[in-house]
N, C-alpha and C. Protein backbone atom coordinates (compact mmCIF):
# COMPACT_ATOMS: atom_id res chain seq x y z
N MET A 1 128.87 36.21 11.49
CA MET A 1 127.15 34.59 11.29
C MET A 1 128.14 33.79 11.17
N PRO A 2 127.67 32.73 11.64
CA PRO A 2 128.34 31.20 11.55
C PRO A 2 128.68 31.08 10.27
N SER A 3 129.50 29.93 10.41
CA SER A 3 130.32 28.96 8.80
C SER A 3 129.05 28.21 8.50
N ILE A 4 129.14 27.85 7.30
CA ILE A 4 128.59 26.80 6.93
C ILE A 4 128.41 25.22 7.28
N PHE A 5 129.68 25.43 7.87
CA PHE A 5 130.26 24.06 8.45
C PHE A 5 128.86 24.47 10.27
N SER A 6 129.69 25.74 10.98
CA SER A 6 129.39 25.42 12.16
C SER A 6 127.09 25.16 11.76
N ARG A 7 126.30 25.61 10.75
CA ARG A 7 125.50 25.69 10.27
C ARG A 7 124.96 24.09 10.39
N ILE A 8 126.12 23.47 9.40
CA ILE A 8 125.91 22.07 9.66
C ILE A 8 126.09 21.26 11.17
N ILE A 9 126.79 21.20 11.63
CA ILE A 9 126.69 21.25 13.05
C ILE A 9 125.96 21.13 14.09
N GLU A 10 125.28 22.35 13.70
CA GLU A 10 124.21 22.88 14.36
C GLU A 10 122.79 22.50 13.94
N GLY A 11 122.85 21.54 13.00
CA GLY A 11 121.73 21.38 12.50
C GLY A 11 120.37 22.22 11.54
N ASP A 12 121.41 23.57 11.69
CA ASP A 12 120.16 24.07 10.78
C ASP A 12 120.38 23.96 9.48
N ILE A 13 120.60 23.80 8.87
CA ILE A 13 120.91 23.14 7.06
C ILE A 13 121.77 21.26 7.46
N PRO A 14 120.86 20.78 6.63
CA PRO A 14 121.15 19.06 6.24
C PRO A 14 122.23 19.16 5.67
N GLY A 15 123.27 18.12 6.62
CA GLY A 15 124.57 17.38 5.90
C GLY A 15 124.55 15.91 7.16
N HIS A 16 125.10 15.34 5.97
CA HIS A 16 125.18 13.43 6.55
C HIS A 16 126.63 13.63 7.12
N VAL A 17 126.25 14.02 8.69
CA VAL A 17 126.61 13.89 9.99
C VAL A 17 127.26 12.44 10.02
N VAL A 18 129.19 12.07 10.65
CA VAL A 18 128.81 10.51 10.23
C VAL A 18 129.71 10.78 12.12
N TRP A 19 129.71 11.54 12.38
CA TRP A 19 130.47 11.65 13.98
C TRP A 19 130.58 13.18 14.09
N SER A 20 130.42 13.17 15.52
CA SER A 20 130.07 14.11 16.63
C SER A 20 130.05 13.81 18.03
N ASP A 21 131.47 14.79 18.65
CA ASP A 21 131.33 14.94 19.91
C ASP A 21 131.24 15.92 20.55
N GLU A 22 131.58 16.31 21.24
CA GLU A 22 132.00 18.12 21.99
C GLU A 22 133.08 18.67 21.59
N VAL A 23 133.62 18.29 20.69
CA VAL A 23 135.04 19.23 19.80
C VAL A 23 134.85 19.95 18.90
N CYS A 24 134.37 18.70 17.74
CA CYS A 24 134.22 18.45 16.71
C CYS A 24 132.80 17.77 16.02
N ALA A 25 133.08 17.94 15.23
CA ALA A 25 131.90 16.72 13.83
C ALA A 25 132.40 16.41 12.76
N ALA A 26 132.34 15.54 12.16
CA ALA A 26 132.90 14.82 10.46
C ALA A 26 131.28 15.32 9.66
N PHE A 27 131.61 14.93 8.54
CA PHE A 27 130.38 15.12 7.81
C PHE A 27 130.92 15.44 6.60
N LEU A 28 130.07 14.07 5.33
CA LEU A 28 130.17 14.10 4.31
C LEU A 28 130.39 15.08 3.37
N ASP A 29 131.12 15.50 2.56
CA ASP A 29 131.70 16.76 1.56
C ASP A 29 130.22 16.41 0.93
N ILE A 30 129.82 17.53 0.04
CA ILE A 30 128.76 17.26 -1.13
C ILE A 30 129.10 17.41 -2.68
N GLU A 31 130.56 17.54 -2.27
CA GLU A 31 131.25 17.77 -3.78
C GLU A 31 132.82 16.73 -3.17
N PRO A 32 132.53 15.35 -3.30
CA PRO A 32 133.48 14.32 -2.63
C PRO A 32 134.51 14.47 -3.49
N LEU A 33 135.95 14.10 -3.38
CA LEU A 33 136.91 13.24 -4.12
C LEU A 33 136.83 12.22 -4.58
N THR A 34 136.10 11.16 -3.43
CA THR A 34 135.72 10.14 -3.38
C THR A 34 134.46 10.09 -2.88
N PRO A 35 133.52 9.00 -2.84
CA PRO A 35 132.68 8.48 -2.27
C PRO A 35 133.52 8.53 -0.82
N GLY A 36 132.56 8.99 0.35
CA GLY A 36 132.46 8.62 1.45
C GLY A 36 133.81 9.32 2.09
N HIS A 37 133.86 10.52 0.55
CA HIS A 37 135.08 11.45 1.63
C HIS A 37 133.97 12.60 2.49
N ALA A 38 135.25 12.85 3.85
CA ALA A 38 134.38 13.46 5.36
C ALA A 38 134.81 14.57 5.25
N LEU A 39 134.77 15.52 6.12
CA LEU A 39 135.34 16.72 6.11
C LEU A 39 135.18 17.24 8.17
N VAL A 40 136.54 16.66 8.31
CA VAL A 40 136.52 16.63 10.47
C VAL A 40 136.42 18.12 10.36
N VAL A 41 136.08 18.67 10.97
CA VAL A 41 135.23 19.64 11.61
C VAL A 41 135.19 19.99 13.21
N PRO A 42 136.33 21.23 13.91
CA PRO A 42 135.83 21.76 15.08
C PRO A 42 134.52 22.72 15.30
N ARG A 43 134.64 22.21 16.20
CA ARG A 43 133.13 23.33 16.82
C ARG A 43 133.42 24.69 16.76
N ALA A 44 134.43 24.58 17.37
CA ALA A 44 135.39 26.30 17.79
C ALA A 44 134.97 26.93 16.42
N GLU A 45 134.51 27.91 15.59
CA GLU A 45 135.07 28.58 14.64
C GLU A 45 136.86 29.74 14.37
N VAL A 46 137.26 28.54 14.12
CA VAL A 46 138.80 28.78 13.96
C VAL A 46 139.22 28.97 12.10
N ASP A 47 139.46 29.94 12.19
CA ASP A 47 139.86 29.72 10.46
C ASP A 47 141.22 29.29 9.96
N HIS A 48 142.25 28.90 10.80
CA HIS A 48 143.03 28.49 10.44
C HIS A 48 143.75 27.39 11.26
N TRP A 49 143.97 26.57 11.00
CA TRP A 49 143.81 25.10 11.39
C TRP A 49 145.54 25.50 12.55
N LEU A 50 146.75 26.34 12.42
CA LEU A 50 147.26 26.80 13.41
C LEU A 50 147.40 27.18 14.66
N ASP A 51 146.08 28.20 14.18
CA ASP A 51 145.55 28.34 15.61
C ASP A 51 144.44 27.97 15.65
N LEU A 52 144.40 26.47 16.53
CA LEU A 52 143.48 25.87 16.79
C LEU A 52 144.53 25.16 18.32
N ASP A 53 143.81 24.90 19.16
CA ASP A 53 145.21 25.32 20.44
C ASP A 53 145.66 23.07 19.99
N ALA A 54 146.69 23.44 21.01
CA ALA A 54 147.39 21.61 20.68
C ALA A 54 146.06 20.29 20.57
N ASP A 55 145.57 20.66 22.18
CA ASP A 55 144.56 19.65 21.78
C ASP A 55 144.11 19.32 20.99
N THR A 56 143.27 20.77 20.72
CA THR A 56 142.13 20.27 18.91
C THR A 56 142.16 19.06 18.46
N VAL A 57 143.91 20.13 17.57
CA VAL A 57 144.38 19.45 16.79
C VAL A 57 144.44 17.87 16.59
N ALA A 58 144.72 17.51 17.95
CA ALA A 58 145.31 16.07 18.18
C ALA A 58 143.89 15.64 17.98
N HIS A 59 142.81 15.73 18.37
CA HIS A 59 141.38 15.63 18.49
C HIS A 59 141.14 15.45 17.08
N LEU A 60 140.78 16.43 16.14
CA LEU A 60 140.97 15.86 15.26
C LEU A 60 141.60 14.94 14.19
N MET A 61 142.40 14.71 14.50
CA MET A 61 143.60 13.55 13.46
C MET A 61 143.34 12.36 14.27
N THR A 62 143.25 12.15 16.07
CA THR A 62 142.73 11.09 16.17
C THR A 62 141.05 10.78 15.28
N VAL A 63 140.09 11.24 15.26
CA VAL A 63 138.57 11.54 14.74
C VAL A 63 138.57 10.96 13.11
N ALA A 64 140.28 11.86 12.83
CA ALA A 64 140.29 11.50 11.24
C ALA A 64 140.79 9.73 10.99
N ALA A 65 141.77 10.09 12.00
CA ALA A 65 142.37 8.28 11.89
C ALA A 65 141.10 7.17 12.06
N THR A 66 140.15 7.48 13.08
CA THR A 66 139.22 6.68 13.49
C THR A 66 137.92 6.67 11.45
N ILE A 67 138.03 7.81 11.33
CA ILE A 67 136.58 8.15 10.61
C ILE A 67 138.05 7.21 8.92
N GLY A 68 138.78 6.94 8.88
CA GLY A 68 140.12 6.80 7.69
C GLY A 68 140.21 5.16 8.08
N ARG A 69 139.68 4.63 8.74
CA ARG A 69 139.96 3.33 9.55
C ARG A 69 138.19 2.86 8.59
N ALA A 70 137.05 3.99 9.08
CA ALA A 70 136.02 2.91 8.83
C ALA A 70 135.45 2.91 7.30
N GLN A 71 136.12 4.68 6.66
CA GLN A 71 136.15 4.90 5.29
C GLN A 71 137.16 3.82 4.73
N GLN A 72 137.96 2.89 4.61
CA GLN A 72 139.04 2.03 4.02
C GLN A 72 138.21 0.58 4.36
N GLN A 73 137.24 0.75 5.24
CA GLN A 73 136.50 -1.22 5.93
C GLN A 73 135.45 -0.24 4.85
N VAL A 74 134.77 0.44 4.39
CA VAL A 74 133.60 0.17 3.80
C VAL A 74 133.42 0.40 2.52
N PHE A 75 134.67 1.34 2.29
CA PHE A 75 134.95 2.05 0.19
C PHE A 75 136.09 0.62 -0.07
N GLY A 76 137.00 -0.57 1.09
CA GLY A 76 137.57 -0.34 0.51
C GLY A 76 139.42 -0.24 -0.43
N SER A 77 139.37 1.19 0.02
CA SER A 77 140.01 1.84 -1.06
C SER A 77 141.58 1.12 -0.08
N GLU A 78 142.73 1.81 -1.38
CA GLU A 78 143.85 1.28 -0.90
C GLU A 78 144.71 2.08 0.38
N ARG A 79 144.58 3.36 0.34
CA ARG A 79 144.96 3.86 1.15
C ARG A 79 143.95 4.86 2.01
N VAL A 80 143.97 6.02 3.04
CA VAL A 80 143.02 7.14 2.86
C VAL A 80 143.83 8.24 3.22
N GLY A 81 143.29 9.43 2.37
CA GLY A 81 143.77 10.43 2.11
C GLY A 81 143.80 11.27 3.01
N LEU A 82 144.35 12.52 3.34
CA LEU A 82 144.17 13.66 3.84
C LEU A 82 144.97 14.84 3.80
N ILE A 83 143.95 15.38 3.35
CA ILE A 83 143.97 17.02 3.37
C ILE A 83 143.97 18.18 4.41
N VAL A 84 144.60 19.44 4.54
CA VAL A 84 144.39 20.41 5.43
C VAL A 84 145.08 21.83 5.03
N GLN A 85 144.46 21.93 3.94
CA GLN A 85 144.79 23.49 3.51
C GLN A 85 143.57 24.47 3.44
N GLY A 86 142.22 24.28 3.71
CA GLY A 86 141.48 25.77 4.54
C GLY A 86 141.13 26.66 3.07
N PHE A 87 140.96 26.83 2.01
CA PHE A 87 140.71 27.64 0.78
C PHE A 87 139.22 28.14 0.48
N GLU A 88 138.30 26.61 1.11
CA GLU A 88 137.26 26.66 0.58
C GLU A 88 136.58 27.45 1.52
N VAL A 89 136.43 27.23 2.64
CA VAL A 89 135.48 27.47 4.58
C VAL A 89 136.39 28.58 4.83
N PRO A 90 135.95 29.48 5.41
CA PRO A 90 137.04 30.26 6.53
C PRO A 90 136.61 29.29 8.07
N HIS A 91 136.44 27.96 7.86
CA HIS A 91 136.95 27.30 9.03
C HIS A 91 137.47 26.17 8.98
N ALA A 92 138.47 26.23 9.67
CA ALA A 92 139.70 24.83 9.73
C ALA A 92 138.37 23.89 9.81
N HIS A 93 138.73 22.72 8.58
CA HIS A 93 138.96 21.30 8.26
C HIS A 93 139.68 20.49 8.21
N VAL A 94 139.75 19.04 7.61
CA VAL A 94 140.31 18.21 7.68
C VAL A 94 139.29 17.39 6.44
N HIS A 95 140.01 17.28 5.41
CA HIS A 95 139.48 16.33 4.27
C HIS A 95 140.03 14.83 4.67
N VAL A 96 139.08 13.70 4.54
CA VAL A 96 139.43 12.73 4.65
C VAL A 96 139.12 11.29 3.87
N PHE A 97 139.47 10.75 3.27
CA PHE A 97 138.74 10.34 1.97
C PHE A 97 139.31 9.20 1.50
N PRO A 98 138.54 8.20 0.97
CA PRO A 98 139.13 6.26 0.70
C PRO A 98 140.32 7.10 -0.46
N THR A 99 141.20 6.74 -0.82
CA THR A 99 141.59 6.46 -2.02
C THR A 99 142.72 5.45 -3.05
N SER A 100 142.89 5.53 -4.04
CA SER A 100 144.14 4.52 -4.51
C SER A 100 145.03 4.97 -5.54
N ASP A 101 144.32 6.34 -5.68
CA ASP A 101 145.30 6.70 -6.92
C ASP A 101 145.64 8.18 -5.88
N PRO A 102 147.01 8.98 -6.49
CA PRO A 102 147.28 10.20 -6.27
C PRO A 102 146.50 11.26 -6.82
N GLY A 103 146.02 11.21 -7.83
CA GLY A 103 145.38 12.37 -8.91
C GLY A 103 144.00 12.27 -7.87
N ASP A 104 143.96 11.59 -6.90
CA ASP A 104 142.76 12.00 -5.92
C ASP A 104 142.91 12.93 -5.11
N PHE A 105 143.77 13.37 -4.67
CA PHE A 105 144.57 14.51 -4.08
C PHE A 105 144.18 15.96 -4.40
N ASP A 106 144.25 16.09 -5.84
CA ASP A 106 143.64 17.21 -6.31
C ASP A 106 142.17 17.42 -6.57
N LEU A 107 142.17 18.41 -5.22
CA LEU A 107 140.70 19.27 -4.91
C LEU A 107 140.11 19.67 -6.29
N THR A 108 140.45 20.23 -6.95
CA THR A 108 139.64 20.71 -8.25
C THR A 108 139.06 19.41 -8.85
N ARG A 109 139.42 18.65 -8.71
CA ARG A 109 138.92 17.21 -9.32
C ARG A 109 137.68 17.23 -8.38
N LYS A 110 137.01 17.55 -7.22
CA LYS A 110 136.06 17.62 -6.49
C LYS A 110 134.49 17.37 -8.24
N GLY A 111 133.51 16.97 -7.40
CA GLY A 111 132.43 16.87 -8.21
C GLY A 111 131.06 16.80 -7.33
N PRO A 112 129.77 17.33 -7.57
CA PRO A 112 128.83 16.30 -6.70
C PRO A 112 128.39 15.14 -6.89
N ARG A 113 127.98 14.64 -5.54
CA ARG A 113 127.25 13.60 -5.09
C ARG A 113 126.09 14.00 -5.38
N ALA A 114 125.02 12.54 -5.71
CA ALA A 114 123.89 12.33 -5.53
C ALA A 114 123.06 12.14 -4.17
N GLN A 115 121.96 12.68 -3.15
CA GLN A 115 122.00 12.40 -2.11
C GLN A 115 121.81 11.79 -2.13
N ASP A 116 121.25 10.62 -2.41
CA ASP A 116 120.64 9.21 -2.14
C ASP A 116 121.96 8.61 -1.86
N ASP A 117 122.89 8.59 -3.28
CA ASP A 117 124.14 8.23 -2.61
C ASP A 117 124.76 8.44 -1.32
N LEU A 118 125.23 10.06 -1.46
CA LEU A 118 125.25 10.68 0.30
C LEU A 118 124.48 10.10 1.08
N ALA A 119 123.49 9.63 1.29
CA ALA A 119 123.11 9.57 2.40
C ALA A 119 123.41 7.48 2.72
N ALA A 120 123.48 6.78 1.29
CA ALA A 120 124.00 5.83 1.27
C ALA A 120 125.78 5.48 1.47
N ASP A 121 125.85 6.18 2.04
CA ASP A 121 127.68 6.53 1.63
C ASP A 121 127.55 6.94 3.54
N ALA A 122 127.25 8.09 3.98
CA ALA A 122 126.74 8.29 5.24
C ALA A 122 126.13 7.02 6.47
N ALA A 123 125.60 6.23 6.03
CA ALA A 123 124.64 5.18 6.49
C ALA A 123 125.49 4.30 6.89
N ALA A 124 126.89 3.68 5.73
CA ALA A 124 127.90 2.83 5.55
C ALA A 124 128.76 3.24 6.60
N LEU A 125 128.99 4.24 6.68
CA LEU A 125 130.29 4.75 7.23
C LEU A 125 129.59 5.01 9.06
N ARG A 126 127.99 5.19 9.63
CA ARG A 126 128.23 5.39 10.62
C ARG A 126 128.12 3.78 11.29
N GLY A 127 127.31 3.05 10.33
CA GLY A 127 128.00 1.33 10.63
C GLY A 127 129.04 1.06 10.86
N ALA A 128 129.95 1.29 10.16
CA ALA A 128 131.19 0.69 10.76
C ALA A 128 131.75 1.22 11.96
N LEU A 129 131.65 2.87 12.36
CA LEU A 129 132.22 3.94 13.24
C LEU A 129 131.45 3.26 14.69
N ALA A 130 129.90 2.45 14.18
CA ALA A 130 129.30 1.90 15.31
C ALA A 130 129.89 0.95 15.62
N GLU A 131 130.56 -0.10 14.97
CA GLU A 131 130.63 -1.26 15.12
C GLU A 131 132.48 -1.19 15.82
N GLY A 132 132.46 0.21 15.81
CA GLY A 132 134.02 0.06 16.61
C GLY A 132 135.12 -0.69 15.85
């Protein structure tokens, strides 16, 4: 059975996708730590990031950095946070989020964000990514 992330990547269930290529996709977390919080997810359904091949890990980090620059531009954050822990969904993923406070790294503080707000965040990020 495909993971929820694979289903979002394949378009079987809705998601606010901001990046898609042959190796991975990135979409907004529906319970973000901060507005603009994205998940960078490999297309390969691998549970633990340590089991990904080195090229895939490098690609995920490159995409995370690209998205992070766009997040910083759009949301004006002091920093961009990165978390890889993988307890929520058994499909490797990288959390990338705008941050200005160390408390933003506490995943227990995640909360829902309205669909309209997520759509606006995604549109803003896609615009910044298109500008390069």
